[in-house]
């Protein structure tokens, strides 16, 4: 290889130095972000779980209040589904206006759907009935229901009024 020009040596040393400094900077940044992620992600998950628990408690309280709502109670004494569907529209509008959920379903103690209101329109009575049966079989007071295998979930709380 004979003589290497001074200019070539200088350019090669600059390229090598730049690559070395870039690699070292990337390694330092990677170590910093890994350490930061290990420390912060558990806190973020814990915060999310606490806020989700608070949200669920608020929804359950809302379901309990709605199950005890006197208009709703008197409405559910009727066994005429069309009457309940029509009369529950006002209650649905109140819940929608206060962002209480995307789905409002009223069912009798036997599980027959008496009224169904959906914000997206994806839930029909057939899908709601299947979802309700599945939720009740699992003995859950809340659940996620999906329509038409889409990623759109309608959130709601299952409020089952006790018989007084």
Protein backbone atom coordinates (compact mmCIF):
# COMPACT_ATOMS: atom_id res chain seq x y z
CA UNK A 1 0.00 0.00 0.00
CA UNK A 2 2.64 2.65 -0.27
CA UNK A 3 2.10 6.18 0.63
CA UNK A 4 -1.29 7.26 1.93
CA UNK A 5 -2.02 10.86 1.39
CA UNK A 6 -2.39 13.07 4.42
CA UNK A 7 -5.83 14.23 3.30
CA UNK A 8 -7.08 10.60 3.15
CA UNK A 9 -5.72 9.89 6.62
CA UNK A 10 -7.47 12.98 7.96
CA UNK A 11 -10.82 12.09 6.35
CA UNK A 12 -10.61 8.49 7.58
CA UNK A 13 -9.78 9.60 11.10
CA UNK A 14 -12.71 12.05 11.07
CA UNK A 15 -15.08 9.31 9.84
CA UNK A 16 -13.79 6.91 12.48
CA UNK A 17 -14.09 9.52 15.26
CA UNK A 18 -17.59 10.51 14.17
CA UNK A 19 -18.71 6.86 14.06
CA UNK A 20 -17.16 6.21 17.47
CA UNK A 21 -18.79 9.25 19.08
CA UNK A 22 -22.17 8.45 17.47
CA UNK A 23 -22.03 4.85 18.67
CA UNK A 24 -21.05 5.90 22.19
CA UNK A 25 -23.87 8.48 22.28
CA UNK A 26 -26.39 5.87 21.14
CA UNK A 27 -25.22 3.40 23.79
CA UNK A 28 -25.47 6.03 26.52
CA UNK A 29 -28.95 7.07 25.34
CA UNK A 30 -30.09 3.44 25.15
CA UNK A 31 -28.91 2.74 28.70
CA UNK A 32 -30.61 5.91 29.98
CA UNK A 33 -33.94 5.13 28.31
CA UNK A 34 -33.90 1.49 29.42
CA UNK A 35 -33.28 2.53 33.03
CA UNK A 36 -35.95 5.24 32.78
CA UNK A 37 -38.47 2.77 31.27
CA UNK A 38 -37.81 0.20 34.01
CA UNK A 39 -38.50 2.83 36.66
CA UNK A 40 -41.44 4.67 35.07
CA UNK A 41 -43.51 1.96 33.36
CA UNK A 42 -44.60 0.25 36.61
CA UNK A 43 -45.70 3.65 37.98
CA UNK A 44 -47.64 4.39 34.79
CA UNK A 45 -49.35 0.99 34.91
CA UNK A 46 -50.24 1.49 38.56
CA UNK A 47 -51.66 4.95 37.84
CA UNK A 48 -53.70 3.54 34.94
CA UNK A 49 -55.08 0.73 37.11
CA UNK A 50 -56.05 3.18 39.85
CA UNK A 51 -57.83 5.46 37.40
CA UNK A 52 -59.56 2.48 35.78
CA UNK A 53 -60.73 1.28 39.21
CA UNK A 54 -62.07 4.76 39.99
CA UNK A 55 -63.84 4.84 36.63
CA UNK A 56 -65.39 1.41 37.24
CA UNK A 57 -66.54 2.40 40.73
CA UNK A 58 -68.16 5.52 39.30
CA UNK A 59 -69.88 3.41 36.62
CA UNK A 60 -71.10 0.90 39.18
CA UNK A 61 -72.46 3.68 41.35
CA UNK A 62 -74.16 5.11 38.29
CA UNK A 63 -75.68 1.70 37.52
CA UNK A 64 -76.88 1.37 41.11
CA UNK A 65 -78.42 4.83 41.01
CA UNK A 66 -80.07 4.10 37.68
CA UNK A 67 -81.43 0.79 38.96
CA UNK A 68 -82.99 2.65 41.90
CA UNK A 69 -84.20 5.54 39.77
CA UNK A 70 -87.93 5.72 40.54
CA UNK A 71 -88.98 6.42 36.96
CA UNK A 72 -86.93 3.50 35.79
CA UNK A 73 -88.36 1.26 38.49
CA UNK A 74 -91.92 2.15 37.60
CA UNK A 75 -91.13 1.75 33.91
CA UNK A 76 -89.77 -1.74 34.45
CA UNK A 77 -93.01 -2.86 36.14
CA UNK A 78 -94.53 -2.84 32.68
CA UNK A 79 -93.92 -5.99 30.70
CA UNK A 80 -94.50 -4.25 27.38
CA UNK A 81 -91.10 -3.97 25.65
CA UNK A 82 -92.15 -1.28 23.17
CA UNK A 83 -93.43 0.97 25.96
CA UNK A 84 -90.22 0.53 27.92
CA UNK A 85 -88.13 1.15 24.79
CA UNK A 86 -89.95 4.41 24.03
CA UNK A 87 -90.08 5.68 27.60
CA UNK A 88 -86.44 4.88 28.32
CA UNK A 89 -85.24 7.15 25.50
CA UNK A 90 -85.30 10.15 27.85
CA UNK A 91 -83.23 8.32 30.46
CA UNK A 92 -80.80 7.24 27.70
CA UNK A 93 -80.41 10.86 26.59
CA UNK A 94 -79.53 11.91 30.15
CA UNK A 95 -76.91 9.17 30.43
CA UNK A 96 -75.47 9.94 26.99
CA UNK A 97 -75.27 13.67 27.76
CA UNK A 98 -73.28 12.94 30.91
CA UNK A 99 -71.04 10.43 29.08
CA UNK A 100 -72.25 7.49 31.14
CA UNK A 101 -71.67 4.97 28.38
CA UNK A 102 -72.31 3.98 24.80
CA UNK A 103 -74.88 1.31 25.52
CA UNK A 104 -78.04 1.42 27.62
CA UNK A 105 -79.85 -1.86 28.06
CA UNK A 106 -82.82 -2.69 30.24
CA UNK A 107 -83.63 -6.32 30.89
CA UNK A 108 -86.12 -8.01 33.16
CA UNK A 109 -84.93 -10.40 35.90
CA UNK A 110 -85.31 -13.33 33.48
CA UNK A 111 -82.83 -11.71 31.09
CA UNK A 112 -85.33 -10.62 28.42
CA UNK A 113 -84.22 -7.37 26.82
CA UNK A 114 -86.91 -4.75 27.29
CA UNK A 115 -85.04 -1.71 25.88
CA UNK A 116 -81.81 -1.18 24.00
CA UNK A 117 -80.14 2.11 23.11
CA UNK A 118 -76.75 2.18 21.40
CA UNK A 119 -74.60 5.18 20.57
CA UNK A 120 -73.02 3.55 17.53
CA UNK A 121 -75.95 1.52 16.27
CA UNK A 122 -73.82 -1.63 16.07
CA UNK A 123 -75.76 -3.47 18.74
CA UNK A 124 -79.05 -4.99 17.81
CA UNK A 125 -81.18 -7.08 20.16
CA UNK A 126 -79.74 -10.38 18.91
CA UNK A 127 -76.14 -9.35 19.63
CA UNK A 128 -77.13 -7.75 22.92
CA UNK A 129 -79.02 -10.88 24.01
CA UNK A 130 -76.03 -13.12 23.25
CA UNK A 131 -73.68 -10.73 25.07
CA UNK A 132 -76.03 -10.45 28.06
CA UNK A 133 -76.35 -14.24 28.36
CA UNK A 134 -72.58 -14.63 28.17
CA UNK A 135 -72.02 -11.96 30.83
CA UNK A 136 -74.64 -13.42 33.16
CA UNK A 137 -73.25 -16.95 32.70
CA UNK A 138 -69.84 -15.65 33.76
CA UNK A 139 -71.58 -14.02 36.76
CA UNK A 140 -70.03 -10.65 35.98
CA UNK A 141 -71.47 -7.28 36.88
CA UNK A 142 -69.53 -5.61 34.06
CA UNK A 143 -68.10 -6.76 30.77
CA UNK A 144 -66.88 -5.64 27.37
CA UNK A 145 -69.23 -6.41 24.51
CA UNK A 146 -68.13 -6.46 20.90
CA UNK A 147 -70.39 -6.31 17.86
CA UNK A 148 -69.71 -7.95 14.51
CA UNK A 149 -66.16 -8.87 15.56
CA UNK A 150 -65.17 -5.25 15.14
CA UNK A 151 -62.77 -3.39 17.34
CA UNK A 152 -65.50 -1.01 18.39
CA UNK A 153 -66.47 -1.70 21.96
CA UNK A 154 -69.53 -0.28 23.57
CA UNK A 155 -68.93 0.42 27.21
CA UNK A 156 -71.61 0.12 29.75
CA UNK A 157 -72.42 -1.14 33.18
CA UNK A 158 -74.78 -3.96 33.79
CA UNK A 159 -77.29 -2.81 36.34
CA UNK A 160 -79.61 -5.53 37.55
CA UNK A 161 -82.36 -4.11 39.72
CA UNK A 162 -83.25 -6.19 42.75
CA UNK A 163 -86.85 -7.19 43.16
CA UNK A 164 -88.42 -5.26 46.03
